[in-house]
Amino acid sequence: MPKRHHPYDAESERGWSIDSSTLTPAGQSELLKDLGRQLQQNYQSMLKEPAPDRIQHLLERLEQTHHHDEEDL
């Protein structure tokens, strides 16, 4: 049976990767900042949507637990 290749397989000639190991620490930092900005831009509309009820309830429980832990200090 022939081996199937995923179109984004790293071993594929069509695939791509970013080798950040040759960047300076400042260059790596800039790369990460740029990726963050691009992700925010691409998902901005989703970030404005309210969290689903289940997630909102979990966040509220986490917040309550955090405040309770701070009071014990």
N, C-alpha and C. Protein backbone atom coordinates (compact mmCIF):
# COMPACT_ATOMS: atom_id res chain seq x y z
N MET A 1 0.85 -1.17 0.00
CA MET A 1 0.00 0.00 0.00
C MET A 1 0.90 1.24 0.00
N PRO A 2 0.63 2.23 -0.86
CA PRO A 2 1.48 3.42 -0.91
C PRO A 2 1.30 4.26 0.34
N LYS A 3 2.39 4.91 0.72
CA LYS A 3 2.39 5.78 1.89
C LYS A 3 1.68 7.08 1.54
N ARG A 4 0.74 7.50 2.40
CA ARG A 4 0.02 8.75 2.16
C ARG A 4 0.75 9.89 2.83
N HIS A 5 0.83 11.01 2.16
CA HIS A 5 1.52 12.18 2.70
C HIS A 5 0.50 13.27 3.00
N HIS A 6 0.65 13.84 4.15
CA HIS A 6 -0.18 14.99 4.50
C HIS A 6 0.37 16.19 3.73
N PRO A 7 -0.50 17.08 3.22
CA PRO A 7 0.00 18.22 2.42
C PRO A 7 0.92 19.15 3.20
N TYR A 8 0.84 19.14 4.53
CA TYR A 8 1.69 20.02 5.32
C TYR A 8 2.76 19.24 6.07
N ASP A 9 3.06 18.05 5.63
CA ASP A 9 4.07 17.21 6.25
C ASP A 9 5.42 17.90 6.18
N ALA A 10 6.13 17.96 7.31
CA ALA A 10 7.42 18.65 7.36
C ALA A 10 8.44 18.01 6.42
N GLU A 11 8.28 16.71 6.14
CA GLU A 11 9.22 16.05 5.25
C GLU A 11 8.91 16.33 3.80
N SER A 12 7.75 16.84 3.52
CA SER A 12 7.33 17.13 2.16
C SER A 12 8.10 18.32 1.60
N GLU A 13 8.33 18.32 0.32
CA GLU A 13 9.02 19.45 -0.31
C GLU A 13 8.15 20.70 -0.29
N ARG A 14 6.83 20.51 -0.24
CA ARG A 14 5.93 21.66 -0.23
C ARG A 14 5.76 22.23 1.17
N GLY A 15 6.13 21.48 2.19
CA GLY A 15 5.99 21.95 3.56
C GLY A 15 6.99 23.07 3.85
N TRP A 16 6.81 23.74 4.97
CA TRP A 16 7.72 24.81 5.34
C TRP A 16 7.88 24.82 6.85
N SER A 17 8.93 25.45 7.30
CA SER A 17 9.15 25.60 8.72
C SER A 17 9.96 26.86 8.96
N ILE A 18 9.98 27.30 10.19
CA ILE A 18 10.76 28.47 10.57
C ILE A 18 11.86 27.99 11.49
N ASP A 19 13.10 28.23 11.12
CA ASP A 19 14.23 27.86 11.97
C ASP A 19 14.66 29.09 12.73
N SER A 20 14.13 29.23 13.94
CA SER A 20 14.45 30.42 14.73
C SER A 20 15.75 30.25 15.51
N SER A 21 16.38 29.08 15.40
CA SER A 21 17.60 28.85 16.18
C SER A 21 18.76 29.71 15.69
N THR A 22 18.69 30.22 14.47
CA THR A 22 19.76 31.07 13.95
C THR A 22 19.52 32.54 14.26
N LEU A 23 18.37 32.86 14.87
CA LEU A 23 18.07 34.24 15.22
C LEU A 23 18.71 34.62 16.55
N THR A 24 19.01 35.89 16.69
CA THR A 24 19.48 36.38 17.98
C THR A 24 18.29 36.37 18.95
N PRO A 25 18.54 36.48 20.26
CA PRO A 25 17.41 36.55 21.20
C PRO A 25 16.45 37.69 20.86
N ALA A 26 17.00 38.83 20.43
CA ALA A 26 16.13 39.95 20.05
C ALA A 26 15.31 39.60 18.82
N GLY A 27 15.92 38.90 17.87
CA GLY A 27 15.22 38.48 16.66
C GLY A 27 14.12 37.48 16.98
N GLN A 28 14.40 36.55 17.90
CA GLN A 28 13.39 35.58 18.32
C GLN A 28 12.22 36.29 18.99
N SER A 29 12.54 37.28 19.82
CA SER A 29 11.50 38.04 20.50
C SER A 29 10.62 38.77 19.48
N GLU A 30 11.24 39.38 18.49
CA GLU A 30 10.48 40.09 17.45
C GLU A 30 9.62 39.13 16.65
N LEU A 31 10.17 37.95 16.36
CA LEU A 31 9.41 36.95 15.62
C LEU A 31 8.16 36.55 16.40
N LEU A 32 8.32 36.29 17.71
CA LEU A 32 7.18 35.92 18.54
C LEU A 32 6.16 37.05 18.65
N LYS A 33 6.63 38.28 18.78
CA LYS A 33 5.72 39.43 18.85
C LYS A 33 4.93 39.55 17.55
N ASP A 34 5.62 39.38 16.42
CA ASP A 34 4.95 39.48 15.12
C ASP A 34 3.91 38.38 14.96
N LEU A 35 4.26 37.16 15.36
CA LEU A 35 3.29 36.06 15.28
C LEU A 35 2.08 36.36 16.16
N GLY A 36 2.31 36.90 17.36
CA GLY A 36 1.21 37.26 18.25
C GLY A 36 0.31 38.32 17.64
N ARG A 37 0.92 39.33 17.02
CA ARG A 37 0.13 40.38 16.37
C ARG A 37 -0.71 39.80 15.23
N GLN A 38 -0.11 38.91 14.45
CA GLN A 38 -0.84 38.31 13.34
C GLN A 38 -2.00 37.44 13.83
N LEU A 39 -1.77 36.68 14.90
CA LEU A 39 -2.84 35.86 15.46
C LEU A 39 -3.97 36.73 16.00
N GLN A 40 -3.62 37.81 16.70
CA GLN A 40 -4.65 38.71 17.21
C GLN A 40 -5.45 39.32 16.07
N GLN A 41 -4.78 39.72 15.01
CA GLN A 41 -5.46 40.32 13.87
C GLN A 41 -6.40 39.31 13.22
N ASN A 42 -5.93 38.07 13.04
CA ASN A 42 -6.74 37.06 12.39
C ASN A 42 -7.94 36.63 13.22
N TYR A 43 -7.81 36.67 14.55
CA TYR A 43 -8.87 36.18 15.42
C TYR A 43 -9.56 37.29 16.20
N GLN A 44 -9.39 38.54 15.79
CA GLN A 44 -9.94 39.68 16.52
C GLN A 44 -11.45 39.56 16.70
N SER A 45 -12.17 39.18 15.65
CA SER A 45 -13.63 39.08 15.78
C SER A 45 -14.02 38.01 16.78
N MET A 46 -13.28 36.92 16.82
CA MET A 46 -13.57 35.86 17.77
C MET A 46 -13.28 36.31 19.20
N LEU A 47 -12.24 37.13 19.38
CA LEU A 47 -11.89 37.61 20.71
C LEU A 47 -12.96 38.54 21.27
N LYS A 48 -13.74 39.18 20.40
CA LYS A 48 -14.78 40.10 20.85
C LYS A 48 -16.06 39.37 21.25
N GLU A 49 -16.20 38.11 20.83
CA GLU A 49 -17.39 37.34 21.16
C GLU A 49 -17.36 36.95 22.64
N PRO A 50 -18.52 36.90 23.28
CA PRO A 50 -18.54 36.47 24.68
C PRO A 50 -18.17 34.99 24.78
N ALA A 51 -17.59 34.65 25.91
CA ALA A 51 -17.22 33.25 26.15
C ALA A 51 -18.49 32.42 26.30
N PRO A 52 -18.45 31.16 25.86
CA PRO A 52 -19.62 30.29 26.08
C PRO A 52 -19.91 30.17 27.57
N ASP A 53 -21.18 29.92 27.90
CA ASP A 53 -21.61 29.87 29.30
C ASP A 53 -20.75 28.92 30.13
N ARG A 54 -20.46 27.73 29.61
CA ARG A 54 -19.67 26.75 30.37
C ARG A 54 -18.28 27.31 30.71
N ILE A 55 -17.66 27.97 29.76
CA ILE A 55 -16.34 28.57 29.99
C ILE A 55 -16.45 29.71 30.99
N GLN A 56 -17.50 30.52 30.85
CA GLN A 56 -17.70 31.64 31.76
C GLN A 56 -17.87 31.15 33.20
N HIS A 57 -18.62 30.06 33.38
CA HIS A 57 -18.80 29.50 34.73
C HIS A 57 -17.48 28.98 35.29
N LEU A 58 -16.68 28.34 34.45
CA LEU A 58 -15.38 27.85 34.90
C LEU A 58 -14.46 29.00 35.29
N LEU A 59 -14.49 30.08 34.51
CA LEU A 59 -13.68 31.26 34.83
C LEU A 59 -14.11 31.88 36.16
N GLU A 60 -15.42 31.94 36.38
CA GLU A 60 -15.93 32.49 37.64
C GLU A 60 -15.49 31.63 38.82
N ARG A 61 -15.54 30.30 38.68
CA ARG A 61 -15.09 29.41 39.75
C ARG A 61 -13.60 29.60 40.01
N LEU A 62 -12.83 29.74 38.96
CA LEU A 62 -11.39 29.96 39.10
C LEU A 62 -11.12 31.27 39.82
N GLU A 63 -11.85 32.30 39.46
CA GLU A 63 -11.70 33.61 40.10
C GLU A 63 -12.04 33.52 41.59
N GLN A 64 -13.12 32.82 41.93
CA GLN A 64 -13.51 32.66 43.33
C GLN A 64 -12.44 31.90 44.11
N THR A 65 -11.92 30.86 43.52
CA THR A 65 -10.87 30.07 44.16
C THR A 65 -9.63 30.92 44.38
N HIS A 66 -9.28 31.73 43.38
CA HIS A 66 -8.10 32.60 43.48
C HIS A 66 -8.27 33.60 44.62
N HIS A 67 -9.47 34.24 44.71
CA HIS A 67 -9.71 35.20 45.79
C HIS A 67 -9.71 34.52 47.14
N HIS A 68 -10.25 33.32 47.20
CA HIS A 68 -10.26 32.56 48.47
C HIS A 68 -8.83 32.25 48.90
N ASP A 69 -7.98 31.85 47.96
CA ASP A 69 -6.58 31.54 48.28
C ASP A 69 -5.84 32.79 48.77
N GLU A 70 -6.13 33.96 48.19
CA GLU A 70 -5.48 35.20 48.60
C GLU A 70 -5.89 35.58 50.03
N GLU A 71 -7.16 35.30 50.38
CA GLU A 71 -7.63 35.63 51.73
C GLU A 71 -6.94 34.77 52.78
N ASP A 72 -6.55 33.54 52.42
CA ASP A 72 -5.89 32.64 53.37
C ASP A 72 -4.47 33.06 53.66
N LEU A 73 -3.88 33.94 52.85
CA LEU A 73 -2.50 34.36 53.08
C LEU A 73 -2.42 35.31 54.19
